[in-house]
């Protein structure tokens, strides 16, 4: 084949009822379209007008506005379950710092275990770490054995047991008899196992409720013709999903007041009741959910295929077609598409490598930021209430981005791809750390304790109060974190779903969540410096690390923005996409096959 043969004229047969999503015309679509025109190049204008509900032409994909669809009912049910679970998780987490740090005698305000700042931060960070390791367990159970729905039900039951332990051991009589610390440790181990099994499965489950795989033309009542774009709908699903997560996290508003006015046990009891409500929704809505069948041994096959890649030093080596051409004494109980999907997932995993730095920054809002607020003049506002400005900012900005900013960018044909969004999120997260460092500096400049907050000079009626700087000034730090989450965390969820093989959605999601565990481990290592006055320099270092990571991330991975549609093509085109990739490779380098044979050892 001529080296200069345009890709649009490659004779690759593709089914006419399939296509790739993403808002731009891909090489695969050009091949398909060129066949319709007897292998002529794609013209600039064809005059084709596609009927509603049919796949648009190439020209229409370039010129018509791409819009997302609304979520189906089953997706809203899954979102409601996640809202209740996150309400519980954030409701109990919101009061953990005070529960652990302050003593039961009330000398520093309402408390229970009296472990101090460093001890409380260490245990809280371990809880975060554990919660993001356990998704691997839930993913294996779901993808290889039970499926997502059954796995979620089982781990919900485990979650309930954990909250019951926490509630019972936080009762005044239990604390008075020394059961608090042991009960807390047992509870976070069980709760962490439960939330991990839920978290890795509920995220792909909500996206699977949307079934359209092919773009479709639709005419609005105004007469405007638009394209319903599945890729944009997946983006919207995860925006709504994250919105529900953060509505649930507003549990951090009532629980600090319940802690202050009644006791920690009342906050834990309320969270238990809300979680049980979500459990009921999950069970009652069973018949509405769309559930993928389990593909047995899929994870085992994935690791076997990766081992063949490593052993052969060739990512195509596990393909049956490769084995048929070059020979080999290894089994390949999968097809070429599975290997290509696995390669795509590995690309996603490379992107996830940068995430631990972001999670270290993110983890500050529920730990050190709470302690920082406790060093300020509260004016009747509980120090652990301030962290709710993080979800509030997300609740405010997600509708703005989803309904105004993103549609405007689509209308102007300005791509805002995942790698770009993730890089921007890192840079915004660094702004939060810069603000926290500056604020910490001003806390140390304020009396009465200056760089030793909560000293004896601040004690009034037996209670230590913060330095004379208003607690509300901390608000922007939380807002920067919230906005950064919309770009980095939401895009990560979306990327993990779209790049995962259909039968390994939970497992790849668990690998993405595992980056949060690594971030927590780094945060654990930093806990000794999370004390006065070194915490100021910790914030400064995290600001530099987050900004530098965002820039380096963009430099290394921005080329993946251009390959976004190509990578997503596999789920729509399957074997044909693999054929196209191989044909494209041979077209651009006709010596590739010869070189590959020379590299392959004789069998």
Protein backbone atom coordinates (compact mmCIF):
# COMPACT_ATOMS: atom_id res chain seq x y z
CA UNK A 1 0.00 0.00 0.00
CA UNK A 2 1.29 3.46 -0.91
CA UNK A 3 2.78 5.36 2.05
CA UNK A 4 0.81 8.46 1.04
CA UNK A 5 -2.58 6.70 0.82
CA UNK A 6 -4.97 8.82 2.95
CA UNK A 7 -6.41 7.03 5.97
CA UNK A 8 -9.91 7.99 4.87
CA UNK A 9 -9.60 5.59 1.91
CA UNK A 10 -8.37 2.50 3.77
CA UNK A 11 -10.55 -0.47 2.74
CA UNK A 12 -11.57 -1.62 6.22
CA UNK A 13 -15.11 -2.97 6.46
CA UNK A 14 -17.05 -1.56 9.39
CA UNK A 15 -20.67 -2.22 10.38
CA UNK A 16 -22.83 0.68 9.30
CA UNK A 17 -24.82 0.78 12.53
CA UNK A 18 -21.86 1.49 14.84
CA UNK A 19 -19.70 4.51 15.47
CA UNK A 20 -17.51 6.22 18.01
CA UNK A 21 -18.59 8.96 20.37
CA UNK A 22 -16.70 12.01 21.44
CA UNK A 23 -17.81 15.02 19.43
CA UNK A 24 -15.14 14.84 16.70
CA UNK A 25 -14.77 12.74 13.57
CA UNK A 26 -12.38 9.84 14.10
CA UNK A 27 -10.26 7.87 11.66
CA UNK A 28 -12.70 4.98 11.97
CA UNK A 29 -15.63 7.17 10.97
CA UNK A 30 -13.65 8.49 8.00
CA UNK A 31 -13.06 4.92 6.80
CA UNK A 32 -16.74 4.07 7.14
CA UNK A 33 -17.80 7.25 5.39
CA UNK A 34 -15.29 6.81 2.60
CA UNK A 35 -16.76 3.38 1.80
CA UNK A 36 -20.16 4.98 1.34
CA UNK A 37 -18.53 7.24 -1.26
CA UNK A 38 -16.79 4.36 -3.14
CA UNK A 39 -13.41 5.06 -1.51
CA UNK A 40 -13.36 8.74 -2.34
CA UNK A 41 -11.97 11.22 0.17
CA UNK A 42 -14.44 12.84 2.58
CA UNK A 43 -15.82 15.98 0.94
CA UNK A 44 -16.26 19.24 2.80
CA UNK A 45 -20.00 19.37 2.06
CA UNK A 46 -22.29 16.51 1.09
CA UNK A 47 -25.76 17.96 1.46
CA UNK A 48 -26.85 14.86 3.40
CA UNK A 49 -29.69 15.42 5.86
CA UNK A 50 -30.11 12.60 8.35
CA UNK A 51 -33.53 11.77 9.76
CA UNK A 52 -34.09 12.06 13.50
CA UNK A 53 -32.87 9.18 15.69
CA UNK A 54 -30.40 8.04 13.04
CA UNK A 55 -26.64 8.25 13.11
CA UNK A 56 -25.40 11.61 11.74
CA UNK A 57 -23.15 11.93 8.73
CA UNK A 58 -19.53 13.03 9.01
CA UNK A 59 -20.44 16.55 7.88
CA UNK A 60 -23.20 16.77 10.48
CA UNK A 61 -20.82 15.65 13.21
CA UNK A 62 -18.55 18.52 12.28
CA UNK A 63 -21.22 21.21 12.01
CA UNK A 64 -24.14 20.40 14.34
CA UNK A 65 -24.10 21.15 18.04
CA UNK A 66 -23.35 18.15 20.29
CA UNK A 67 -25.45 17.90 23.45
CA UNK A 68 -25.81 15.38 26.29
CA UNK A 69 -29.05 13.55 27.08
CA UNK A 70 -30.92 13.47 30.37
CA UNK A 71 -30.26 10.64 32.83
CA UNK A 72 -32.57 7.60 32.90
CA UNK A 73 -34.55 6.83 36.07
CA UNK A 74 -32.30 3.91 37.04
CA UNK A 75 -29.28 6.24 37.03
CA UNK A 76 -31.06 8.55 39.47
CA UNK A 77 -31.79 5.58 41.75
CA UNK A 78 -28.10 4.65 41.80
CA UNK A 79 -27.26 8.30 42.47
CA UNK A 80 -29.69 8.30 45.43
CA UNK A 81 -27.97 5.25 46.92
CA UNK A 82 -24.58 6.93 46.56
CA UNK A 83 -25.95 10.13 48.12
CA UNK A 84 -27.05 8.21 51.23
CA UNK A 85 -23.75 6.34 51.47
CA UNK A 86 -21.73 9.55 51.14
CA UNK A 87 -24.01 11.29 53.66
CA UNK A 88 -23.08 8.57 56.12
CA UNK A 89 -19.38 8.54 55.27
CA UNK A 90 -18.89 12.29 55.43
CA UNK A 91 -21.25 12.68 58.37
CA UNK A 92 -19.18 10.41 60.58
CA UNK A 93 -15.84 11.61 59.14
CA UNK A 94 -16.70 15.24 59.82
CA UNK A 95 -16.55 14.71 63.58
CA UNK A 96 -13.67 12.22 63.66
CA UNK A 97 -10.96 14.86 64.17
CA UNK A 98 -12.56 16.24 67.32
CA UNK A 99 -13.63 12.75 68.46
CA UNK A 100 -10.01 11.60 68.29
CA UNK A 101 -8.07 14.76 69.13
CA UNK A 102 -9.87 16.26 72.12
CA UNK A 103 -10.15 14.67 75.59
CA UNK A 104 -13.42 13.48 77.09
CA UNK A 105 -13.24 16.01 79.94
CA UNK A 106 -14.23 18.90 77.61
CA UNK A 107 -11.16 21.03 78.37
CA UNK A 108 -10.72 21.75 74.64
CA UNK A 109 -14.39 21.51 73.72
CA UNK A 110 -16.42 18.38 72.98
CA UNK A 111 -14.10 15.38 72.59
CA UNK A 112 -13.73 11.69 73.37
CA UNK A 113 -10.38 9.93 72.95
CA UNK A 114 -7.82 12.71 73.62
CA UNK A 115 -5.13 11.54 71.17
CA UNK A 116 -3.93 15.05 70.29
CA UNK A 117 -3.46 16.67 66.87
CA UNK A 118 -0.81 14.32 65.47
CA UNK A 119 -2.50 11.15 66.75
CA UNK A 120 -5.90 12.22 65.44
CA UNK A 121 -4.50 13.18 62.04
CA UNK A 122 -2.65 9.86 61.83
CA UNK A 123 -5.72 7.72 62.56
CA UNK A 124 -7.95 9.81 60.28
CA UNK A 125 -5.42 9.48 57.47
CA UNK A 126 -5.21 5.71 58.01
CA UNK A 127 -9.00 5.52 57.68
CA UNK A 128 -8.82 7.35 54.35
CA UNK A 129 -6.02 5.02 53.23
CA UNK A 130 -7.98 1.89 54.19
CA UNK A 131 -11.14 3.10 52.45
CA UNK A 132 -9.28 3.34 49.15
CA UNK A 133 -7.40 0.04 49.37
CA UNK A 134 -10.53 -2.06 49.94
CA UNK A 135 -12.12 -1.22 46.55
CA UNK A 136 -9.75 -3.79 45.04
CA UNK A 137 -11.54 -6.48 47.07
CA UNK A 138 -14.97 -5.27 45.97
CA UNK A 139 -13.86 -5.04 42.34
CA UNK A 140 -12.57 -8.61 42.21
CA UNK A 141 -15.77 -9.91 43.81
CA UNK A 142 -17.93 -7.94 41.34
CA UNK A 143 -16.06 -8.41 38.06
CA UNK A 144 -15.13 -12.06 38.54
CA UNK A 145 -17.88 -13.58 40.68
CA UNK A 146 -21.09 -11.79 41.68
CA UNK A 147 -21.62 -8.73 39.51
CA UNK A 148 -21.91 -5.14 40.68
CA UNK A 149 -25.40 -5.17 42.17
CA UNK A 150 -25.02 -8.24 44.40
CA UNK A 151 -21.60 -7.04 45.53
CA UNK A 152 -22.99 -3.64 46.52
CA UNK A 153 -25.77 -5.31 48.54
CA UNK A 154 -23.31 -7.51 50.45
CA UNK A 155 -20.92 -4.67 51.26
CA UNK A 156 -23.84 -2.45 52.34
CA UNK A 157 -24.60 -5.04 55.00
CA UNK A 158 -20.95 -4.96 56.11
CA UNK A 159 -21.14 -1.15 56.25
CA UNK A 160 -24.17 -1.29 58.57
CA UNK A 161 -22.25 -3.52 61.00
CA UNK A 162 -19.39 -1.02 61.09
CA UNK A 163 -21.64 1.95 61.87
CA UNK A 164 -23.37 -0.02 64.61
CA UNK A 165 -19.99 -0.70 66.27
CA UNK A 166 -19.09 3.00 66.04
CA UNK A 167 -22.43 4.09 67.46
CA UNK A 168 -22.44 1.66 70.38
CA UNK A 169 -18.85 2.38 71.44
CA UNK A 170 -19.40 6.16 71.29
CA UNK A 171 -22.21 6.08 73.86
CA UNK A 172 -21.23 7.89 77.09
CA UNK A 173 -21.28 4.69 79.11
CA UNK A 174 -18.94 2.95 76.62
CA UNK A 175 -16.52 5.89 76.59
CA UNK A 176 -16.51 6.01 80.38
CA UNK A 177 -15.46 2.33 80.47
CA UNK A 178 -12.64 2.83 77.93
CA UNK A 179 -14.27 1.16 74.93
CA UNK A 180 -13.92 4.19 72.66
CA UNK A 181 -10.50 3.60 71.05
CA UNK A 182 -10.91 -0.13 70.46
CA UNK A 183 -14.41 0.39 69.14
CA UNK A 184 -13.24 3.16 66.82
CA UNK A 185 -10.45 1.03 65.33
CA UNK A 186 -12.79 -1.95 64.80
CA UNK A 187 -15.45 0.32 63.31
CA UNK A 188 -13.18 2.04 60.77
CA UNK A 189 -11.82 -1.33 59.61
CA UNK A 190 -15.34 -2.67 58.97
CA UNK A 191 -16.68 0.61 57.55
CA UNK A 192 -13.64 0.90 55.28
CA UNK A 193 -14.28 -2.58 53.91
CA UNK A 194 -17.93 -1.73 53.31
CA UNK A 195 -17.37 1.62 51.63
CA UNK A 196 -14.61 0.18 49.43
CA UNK A 197 -16.87 -2.57 48.13
CA UNK A 198 -19.59 -0.03 47.35
CA UNK A 199 -17.46 2.74 45.91
CA UNK A 200 -15.72 0.79 43.14
CA UNK A 201 -19.02 -0.66 41.89
CA UNK A 202 -21.56 2.13 42.20
CA UNK A 203 -19.50 4.45 39.97
CA UNK A 204 -19.50 2.18 36.87
CA UNK A 205 -23.03 0.97 37.66
CA UNK A 206 -24.50 4.44 37.24
CA UNK A 207 -22.82 4.91 33.84
CA UNK A 208 -24.02 1.50 32.66
CA UNK A 209 -27.63 2.67 33.14
CA UNK A 210 -27.18 4.78 29.99
CA UNK A 211 -27.47 2.50 26.96
CA UNK A 212 -26.98 4.66 23.87
CA UNK A 213 -23.71 3.86 22.10
CA UNK A 214 -24.33 5.70 18.84
CA UNK A 215 -24.74 9.41 18.20
CA UNK A 216 -28.19 10.37 16.95
CA UNK A 217 -29.67 13.41 15.24
CA UNK A 218 -32.59 15.18 16.91
CA UNK A 219 -34.63 18.20 15.88
CA UNK A 220 -35.58 20.56 18.70
CA UNK A 221 -38.97 22.34 18.84
CA UNK A 222 -37.11 25.49 17.79
CA UNK A 223 -36.12 23.79 14.54
CA UNK A 224 -32.45 23.47 15.48
CA UNK A 225 -30.93 20.11 14.59
CA UNK A 226 -28.56 18.75 17.21
CA UNK A 227 -26.58 15.59 17.89
CA UNK A 228 -27.20 13.52 21.02
CA UNK A 229 -23.66 12.59 22.02
CA UNK A 230 -23.12 9.57 24.32
CA UNK A 231 -19.64 10.78 25.36
CA UNK A 232 -21.07 14.06 26.62
CA UNK A 233 -23.85 12.17 28.36
CA UNK A 234 -21.29 10.05 30.25
CA UNK A 235 -19.57 13.29 31.24
CA UNK A 236 -22.90 14.64 32.50
CA UNK A 237 -23.63 11.41 34.39
CA UNK A 238 -20.42 11.75 36.35
CA UNK A 239 -21.05 15.43 36.99
CA UNK A 240 -24.47 14.52 38.45
CA UNK A 241 -22.92 11.60 40.32
CA UNK A 242 -20.33 13.90 41.89
CA UNK A 243 -23.03 16.46 42.65
CA UNK A 244 -24.97 13.80 44.59
CA UNK A 245 -21.80 12.81 46.43
CA UNK A 246 -21.36 16.36 47.60
CA UNK A 247 -25.01 16.88 48.50
CA UNK A 248 -24.55 13.83 50.69
CA UNK A 249 -21.39 15.27 52.17
CA UNK A 250 -23.43 18.18 53.53
CA UNK A 251 -24.01 15.80 56.42
CA UNK A 252 -21.00 17.65 57.77
CA UNK A 253 -23.33 20.57 58.59
CA UNK A 254 -25.72 18.95 61.12
CA UNK A 255 -23.28 16.44 62.63
CA UNK A 256 -20.92 19.02 64.23
CA UNK A 257 -23.91 20.70 65.90
CA UNK A 258 -25.21 17.33 67.08
CA UNK A 259 -21.74 16.57 68.40
CA UNK A 260 -21.64 19.91 70.20
CA UNK A 261 -25.19 19.94 71.62
CA UNK A 262 -25.91 16.25 72.22
CA UNK A 263 -22.86 14.05 71.71
CA UNK A 264 -20.97 12.11 69.06
CA UNK A 265 -23.31 9.14 69.37
CA UNK A 266 -26.25 11.18 68.08
CA UNK A 267 -24.36 12.08 64.90
CA UNK A 268 -23.44 8.45 64.29
CA UNK A 269 -27.03 7.32 64.89
CA UNK A 270 -28.41 9.78 62.35
CA UNK A 271 -25.88 8.59 59.76
CA UNK A 272 -26.89 4.98 60.40
CA UNK A 273 -30.54 5.82 59.75
CA UNK A 274 -29.76 7.61 56.48
CA UNK A 275 -27.60 4.73 55.27
CA UNK A 276 -30.41 2.26 55.96
CA UNK A 277 -32.69 4.48 53.84
CA UNK A 278 -30.26 4.20 50.92
CA UNK A 279 -30.05 0.43 51.47
CA UNK A 280 -33.84 0.22 51.11
CA UNK A 281 -33.73 2.23 47.85
CA UNK A 282 -31.09 -0.16 46.52
CA UNK A 283 -33.22 -3.23 47.28
CA UNK A 284 -36.57 -1.80 46.15
CA UNK A 285 -35.14 -0.50 42.85
CA UNK A 286 -33.55 -3.83 41.89
CA UNK A 287 -35.80 -4.48 38.88
CA UNK A 288 -35.01 -1.06 37.38
CA UNK A 289 -31.24 -1.49 37.15
CA UNK A 290 -29.42 -2.52 33.98
CA UNK A 291 -26.78 -5.08 34.97
CA UNK A 292 -23.97 -6.48 32.83
CA UNK A 293 -23.39 -10.25 33.01
CA UNK A 294 -20.25 -11.37 34.84
CA UNK A 295 -17.39 -12.59 32.65
CA UNK A 296 -15.72 -15.40 34.61
CA UNK A 297 -11.94 -15.24 35.17
CA UNK A 298 -11.64 -11.84 33.46
CA UNK A 299 -9.19 -10.44 36.01
CA UNK A 300 -7.12 -13.62 35.93
CA UNK A 301 -7.01 -13.36 32.15
CA UNK A 302 -5.97 -9.73 32.36
CA UNK A 303 -2.98 -10.49 34.56
CA UNK A 304 -2.01 -13.45 32.36
CA UNK A 305 -2.12 -11.21 29.29
CA UNK A 306 0.00 -8.55 31.01
CA UNK A 307 2.53 -11.22 31.99
CA UNK A 308 2.78 -12.32 28.34
CA UNK A 309 3.33 -8.68 27.33
CA UNK A 310 6.18 -8.40 29.83
CA UNK A 311 7.73 -11.75 28.95
CA UNK A 312 7.57 -11.13 25.19
CA UNK A 313 8.33 -7.42 25.54
CA UNK A 314 5.52 -6.75 23.10
CA UNK A 315 2.05 -5.47 23.99
CA UNK A 316 0.54 -7.33 21.02
CA UNK A 317 1.98 -10.70 22.04
CA UNK A 318 -1.16 -11.89 23.94
CA UNK A 319 -3.35 -11.48 20.84
CA UNK A 320 -4.54 -14.76 19.27
CA UNK A 321 -3.82 -13.25 15.83
CA UNK A 322 -0.23 -12.54 16.88
CA UNK A 323 0.21 -16.07 18.18
CA UNK A 324 -1.28 -17.51 14.99
CA UNK A 325 1.19 -15.53 12.86
CA UNK A 326 4.36 -15.90 14.92
CA UNK A 327 3.65 -19.03 16.96
CA UNK A 328 3.96 -19.57 20.72
CA UNK A 329 3.39 -22.13 23.45
CA UNK A 330 1.05 -20.07 25.63
CA UNK A 331 -2.74 -20.13 25.90
CA UNK A 332 -4.83 -17.15 24.74
CA UNK A 333 -8.41 -17.68 26.04
CA UNK A 334 -9.46 -14.22 24.85
CA UNK A 335 -9.74 -12.29 21.59
CA UNK A 336 -7.74 -9.45 20.04
CA UNK A 337 -10.27 -6.88 21.22
CA UNK A 338 -9.73 -7.86 24.87
CA UNK A 339 -5.99 -7.24 24.48
CA UNK A 340 -6.57 -3.86 22.84
CA UNK A 341 -8.99 -2.91 25.63
CA UNK A 342 -6.41 -4.01 28.18
CA UNK A 343 -3.77 -1.84 26.50
CA UNK A 344 -6.20 1.08 26.63
CA UNK A 345 -6.76 0.44 30.35
CA UNK A 346 -3.00 0.46 30.92
CA UNK A 347 -2.85 3.90 29.30
CA UNK A 348 -5.47 5.06 31.79
CA UNK A 349 -3.43 3.59 34.65
CA UNK A 350 -0.41 5.62 33.54
CA UNK A 351 -2.54 8.75 33.80
CA UNK A 352 -3.57 7.78 37.34
CA UNK A 353 0.06 7.74 38.52
CA UNK A 354 -0.03 11.51 39.13
CA UNK A 355 -3.17 11.40 41.29
CA UNK A 356 -1.61 10.66 44.73
CA UNK A 357 -0.26 14.22 44.85
CA UNK A 358 -3.73 15.59 44.29
CA UNK A 359 -5.19 13.36 46.99
CA UNK A 360 -2.60 14.54 49.51
CA UNK A 361 -3.80 18.09 48.89
CA UNK A 362 -7.45 17.04 48.94
CA UNK A 363 -6.99 15.20 52.24
CA UNK A 364 -6.05 18.42 54.03
CA UNK A 365 -9.63 19.72 54.04
CA UNK A 366 -10.92 17.00 56.39
CA UNK A 367 -7.87 16.88 58.64
CA UNK A 368 -5.41 19.73 58.98
CA UNK A 369 -7.88 22.36 57.77
CA UNK A 370 -10.20 21.36 60.64
CA UNK A 371 -7.33 21.79 63.10
CA UNK A 372 -6.43 25.11 61.49
CA UNK A 373 -10.01 26.31 61.96
CA UNK A 374 -9.74 25.31 65.61
CA UNK A 375 -6.82 27.76 65.96
CA UNK A 376 -9.03 30.68 64.84
CA UNK A 377 -11.74 32.69 66.57
CA UNK A 378 -14.88 30.63 65.99
CA UNK A 379 -17.55 33.19 66.98
CA UNK A 380 -19.94 30.30 67.72
CA UNK A 381 -19.10 28.36 64.54
CA UNK A 382 -17.81 24.80 65.18
CA UNK A 383 -14.36 24.34 63.68
CA UNK A 384 -15.38 21.14 61.88
CA UNK A 385 -18.31 22.91 60.21
CA UNK A 386 -16.07 24.92 57.87
CA UNK A 387 -15.16 21.90 55.74
CA UNK A 388 -18.68 21.98 54.30
CA UNK A 389 -17.69 24.88 52.08
CA UNK A 390 -15.91 22.27 49.95
CA UNK A 391 -19.11 20.44 48.90
CA UNK A 392 -21.06 23.71 48.81
CA UNK A 393 -18.64 25.10 46.24
CA UNK A 394 -18.99 21.90 44.19
CA UNK A 395 -22.80 22.06 44.37
CA UNK A 396 -22.66 25.65 43.12
CA UNK A 397 -20.10 25.22 40.35
CA UNK A 398 -21.14 21.85 38.84
CA UNK A 399 -24.46 23.20 37.44
CA UNK A 400 -22.64 26.29 36.14
CA UNK A 401 -20.09 24.16 34.32
CA UNK A 402 -22.59 21.53 33.11
CA UNK A 403 -25.30 23.93 31.92
CA UNK A 404 -23.33 27.02 30.89
CA UNK A 405 -19.57 26.64 30.49
CA UNK A 406 -19.30 23.21 28.86
CA UNK A 407 -22.22 23.79 26.41
CA UNK A 408 -20.66 27.12 25.43
CA UNK A 409 -17.31 25.45 24.75
CA UNK A 410 -19.06 22.77 22.67
CA UNK A 411 -20.95 25.40 20.72
CA UNK A 412 -17.70 27.24 19.97
CA UNK A 413 -16.03 23.90 19.06
CA UNK A 414 -13.39 24.42 21.75
CA UNK A 415 -12.27 21.00 23.02
CA UNK A 416 -11.92 20.64 26.79
CA UNK A 417 -10.59 17.12 27.00
CA UNK A 418 -9.94 15.08 30.17
CA UNK A 419 -6.16 15.60 30.27
CA UNK A 420 -6.65 19.37 30.07
CA UNK A 421 -9.26 19.31 32.83
CA UNK A 422 -7.09 17.18 35.10
CA UNK A 423 -4.06 19.46 34.64
CA UNK A 424 -6.17 22.52 35.44
CA UNK A 425 -7.47 20.80 38.58
CA UNK A 426 -3.94 20.28 39.89
CA UNK A 427 -3.12 23.96 39.42
CA UNK A 428 -6.30 25.09 41.19
CA UNK A 429 -5.55 22.69 44.06
CA UNK A 430 -2.18 24.37 44.50
CA UNK A 431 -4.04 27.69 44.99
CA UNK A 432 -5.79 26.14 47.98
CA UNK A 433 -2.48 25.24 49.60
CA UNK A 434 -1.05 28.69 48.88
CA UNK A 435 -4.05 30.27 50.56
CA UNK A 436 -3.79 27.90 53.56
CA UNK A 437 -0.10 28.73 53.99
CA UNK A 438 -0.75 32.47 53.91
CA UNK A 439 -3.62 32.09 56.36
CA UNK A 440 -1.46 30.01 58.71
CA UNK A 441 1.11 32.81 58.62
CA UNK A 442 -1.51 35.34 59.72
CA UNK A 443 -2.76 32.99 62.46
CA UNK A 444 0.77 32.95 63.87
CA UNK A 445 0.87 36.76 63.74
CA UNK A 446 -2.36 37.08 65.77
CA UNK A 447 -2.69 36.95 69.54
CA UNK A 448 -3.04 35.81 72.17
CA UNK A 449 -0.89 32.74 71.43
CA UNK A 450 0.77 33.71 68.12
CA UNK A 451 2.79 30.71 66.81
CA UNK A 452 1.60 28.46 69.67
CA UNK A 453 -2.21 28.45 69.22
CA UNK A 454 -4.45 27.19 72.04
CA UNK A 455 -1.82 28.01 74.67
CA UNK A 456 -2.70 28.70 78.32
CA UNK A 457 -3.19 32.41 77.59
CA UNK A 458 -6.24 31.55 75.42
CA UNK A 459 -8.09 29.57 78.13
CA UNK A 460 -11.40 31.06 79.22
CA UNK A 461 -13.60 29.21 81.70
CA UNK A 462 -11.48 26.11 81.27
CA UNK A 463 -11.72 26.06 77.46
CA UNK A 464 -8.90 27.06 75.07
CA UNK A 465 -9.89 29.43 72.24
CA UNK A 466 -8.13 30.21 68.96
CA UNK A 467 -6.14 33.28 67.98
CA UNK A 468 -7.90 36.51 67.10
CA UNK A 469 -8.54 35.92 63.40
CA UNK A 470 -12.07 35.16 62.16
CA UNK A 471 -12.76 31.55 61.17
CA UNK A 472 -14.71 32.63 58.05
CA UNK A 473 -11.49 33.80 56.41
CA UNK A 474 -10.69 30.12 55.83
CA UNK A 475 -13.56 29.73 53.34
CA UNK A 476 -11.62 30.29 50.05
CA UNK A 477 -9.22 27.43 50.87
CA UNK A 478 -12.15 24.99 50.83
CA UNK A 479 -13.61 26.54 47.69
CA UNK A 480 -10.36 26.13 45.75
CA UNK A 481 -10.29 22.45 46.77
CA UNK A 482 -13.91 22.02 45.65
CA UNK A 483 -13.39 23.52 42.19
CA UNK A 484 -10.22 21.48 41.69
CA UNK A 485 -12.21 18.31 42.45
CA UNK A 486 -14.68 19.05 39.64
CA UNK A 487 -11.87 19.10 37.10
CA UNK A 488 -9.55 16.43 38.51
CA UNK A 489 -11.70 13.95 40.44
CA UNK A 490 -14.74 13.93 38.12
CA UNK A 491 -12.50 13.60 35.06
CA UNK A 492 -10.68 10.73 36.76
CA UNK A 493 -13.95 8.84 37.33
CA UNK A 494 -14.93 9.46 33.72
CA UNK A 495 -11.51 8.40 32.41
CA UNK A 496 -11.50 5.21 34.51
CA UNK A 497 -14.92 4.20 33.14
CA UNK A 498 -14.27 4.99 29.47
CA UNK A 499 -10.83 3.38 29.33
CA UNK A 500 -11.75 0.17 31.15
CA UNK A 501 -12.73 -3.00 29.28
CA UNK A 502 -16.51 -3.58 29.60
CA UNK A 503 -15.97 -6.62 31.83
CA UNK A 504 -13.42 -4.86 34.09
CA UNK A 505 -15.11 -1.55 34.86
CA UNK A 506 -15.07 -2.10 38.63
CA UNK A 507 -11.46 -3.27 38.71
CA UNK A 508 -10.10 -0.27 36.77
CA UNK A 509 -12.25 2.00 38.94
CA UNK A 510 -10.65 0.36 41.99
CA UNK A 511 -7.18 1.04 40.58
CA UNK A 512 -8.14 4.69 40.19
CA UNK A 513 -9.42 4.79 43.78
CA UNK A 514 -6.20 3.11 44.93
CA UNK A 515 -4.35 6.31 44.02
CA UNK A 516 -6.29 7.92 46.87
CA UNK A 517 -4.82 5.31 49.22
CA UNK A 518 -1.30 6.21 48.05
CA UNK A 519 -2.14 9.86 48.67
CA UNK A 520 -3.28 8.97 52.17
CA UNK A 521 -0.04 7.06 52.74
CA UNK A 522 1.94 10.15 51.76
CA UNK A 523 -0.30 12.19 54.07
CA UNK A 524 0.42 9.70 56.85
CA UNK A 525 4.14 10.20 56.30
CA UNK A 526 3.62 13.97 56.53
CA UNK A 527 1.60 13.81 59.77
CA UNK A 528 4.67 14.42 62.03
CA UNK A 529 5.17 17.83 60.38
CA UNK A 530 1.46 18.69 60.67
CA UNK A 531 2.19 20.52 63.91
CA UNK A 532 2.93 24.14 64.78
CA UNK A 533 4.81 25.88 63.30
CA UNK A 534 6.06 23.43 60.63
CA UNK A 535 2.56 22.94 59.19
CA UNK A 536 2.95 26.27 57.37
CA UNK A 537 5.88 24.88 55.37
CA UNK A 538 3.98 21.67 54.71
CA UNK A 539 1.22 23.71 53.03
CA UNK A 540 3.85 25.57 51.01
CA UNK A 541 5.51 22.35 49.87
CA UNK A 542 2.19 20.85 48.82
CA UNK A 543 1.36 23.98 46.81
CA UNK A 544 4.62 23.68 44.87
CA UNK A 545 4.18 19.91 44.40
CA UNK A 546 0.61 20.22 43.11
CA UNK A 547 1.39 23.01 40.64
CA UNK A 548 4.52 21.26 39.36
CA UNK A 549 2.61 17.98 38.97
CA UNK A 550 -0.09 19.72 36.94
CA UNK A 551 2.44 21.20 34.52
CA UNK A 552 4.48 17.99 34.19
CA UNK A 553 1.26 15.98 33.78
CA UNK A 554 0.22 18.19 30.86
CA UNK A 555 3.62 17.94 29.19
CA UNK A 556 3.70 14.14 29.42
CA UNK A 557 0.08 13.26 28.66
CA UNK A 558 -1.47 16.06 26.58
CA UNK A 559 -1.02 13.95 23.41
CA UNK A 560 -3.68 11.58 24.79
CA UNK A 561 -6.29 14.27 24.18
CA UNK A 562 -5.80 13.70 20.46
CA UNK A 563 -6.16 9.92 20.91
CA UNK A 564 -9.28 10.16 23.07
CA UNK A 565 -11.72 9.15 20.32
CA UNK A 566 -9.40 6.47 18.97
CA UNK A 567 -9.10 4.80 22.39
CA UNK A 568 -12.84 4.99 23.00
CA UNK A 569 -13.50 3.39 19.59
CA UNK A 570 -12.83 -0.12 20.86
CA UNK A 571 -16.06 -0.42 22.82
CA UNK A 572 -18.11 0.58 19.76
CA UNK A 573 -16.19 -1.10 16.96
CA UNK A 574 -14.46 -4.08 18.56
CA UNK A 575 -12.57 -6.16 16.00
CA UNK A 576 -12.94 -3.54 13.28
CA UNK A 577 -11.13 -0.96 15.40
CA UNK A 578 -8.23 -3.37 15.89
CA UNK A 579 -8.09 -3.99 12.14
CA UNK A 580 -8.07 -0.27 11.46
CA UNK A 581 -5.23 0.34 13.92
CA UNK A 582 -3.15 -2.41 12.32
CA UNK A 583 -3.93 -1.12 8.83
CA UNK A 584 -3.02 2.43 9.84
CA UNK A 585 0.28 1.21 11.28
CA UNK A 586 1.16 -0.65 8.09
CA UNK A 587 0.18 2.35 5.99
CA UNK A 588 2.44 4.73 7.89
CA UNK A 589 5.32 2.23 8.07
CA UNK A 590 5.24 -0.53 5.39
CA UNK A 591 8.40 -2.03 6.90
CA UNK A 592 6.77 -2.47 10.31
CA UNK A 593 5.72 -6.06 9.68
CA UNK A 594 9.17 -7.00 8.45
CA UNK A 595 10.79 -5.35 11.48
CA UNK A 596 8.36 -7.09 13.80
CA UNK A 597 9.26 -10.49 12.32
CA UNK A 598 12.94 -9.71 12.73
CA UNK A 599 12.41 -8.77 16.40
CA UNK A 600 10.32 -11.88 17.10
CA UNK A 601 12.47 -14.84 18.19
CA UNK A 602 12.04 -18.03 16.23
CA UNK A 603 9.64 -20.58 17.65
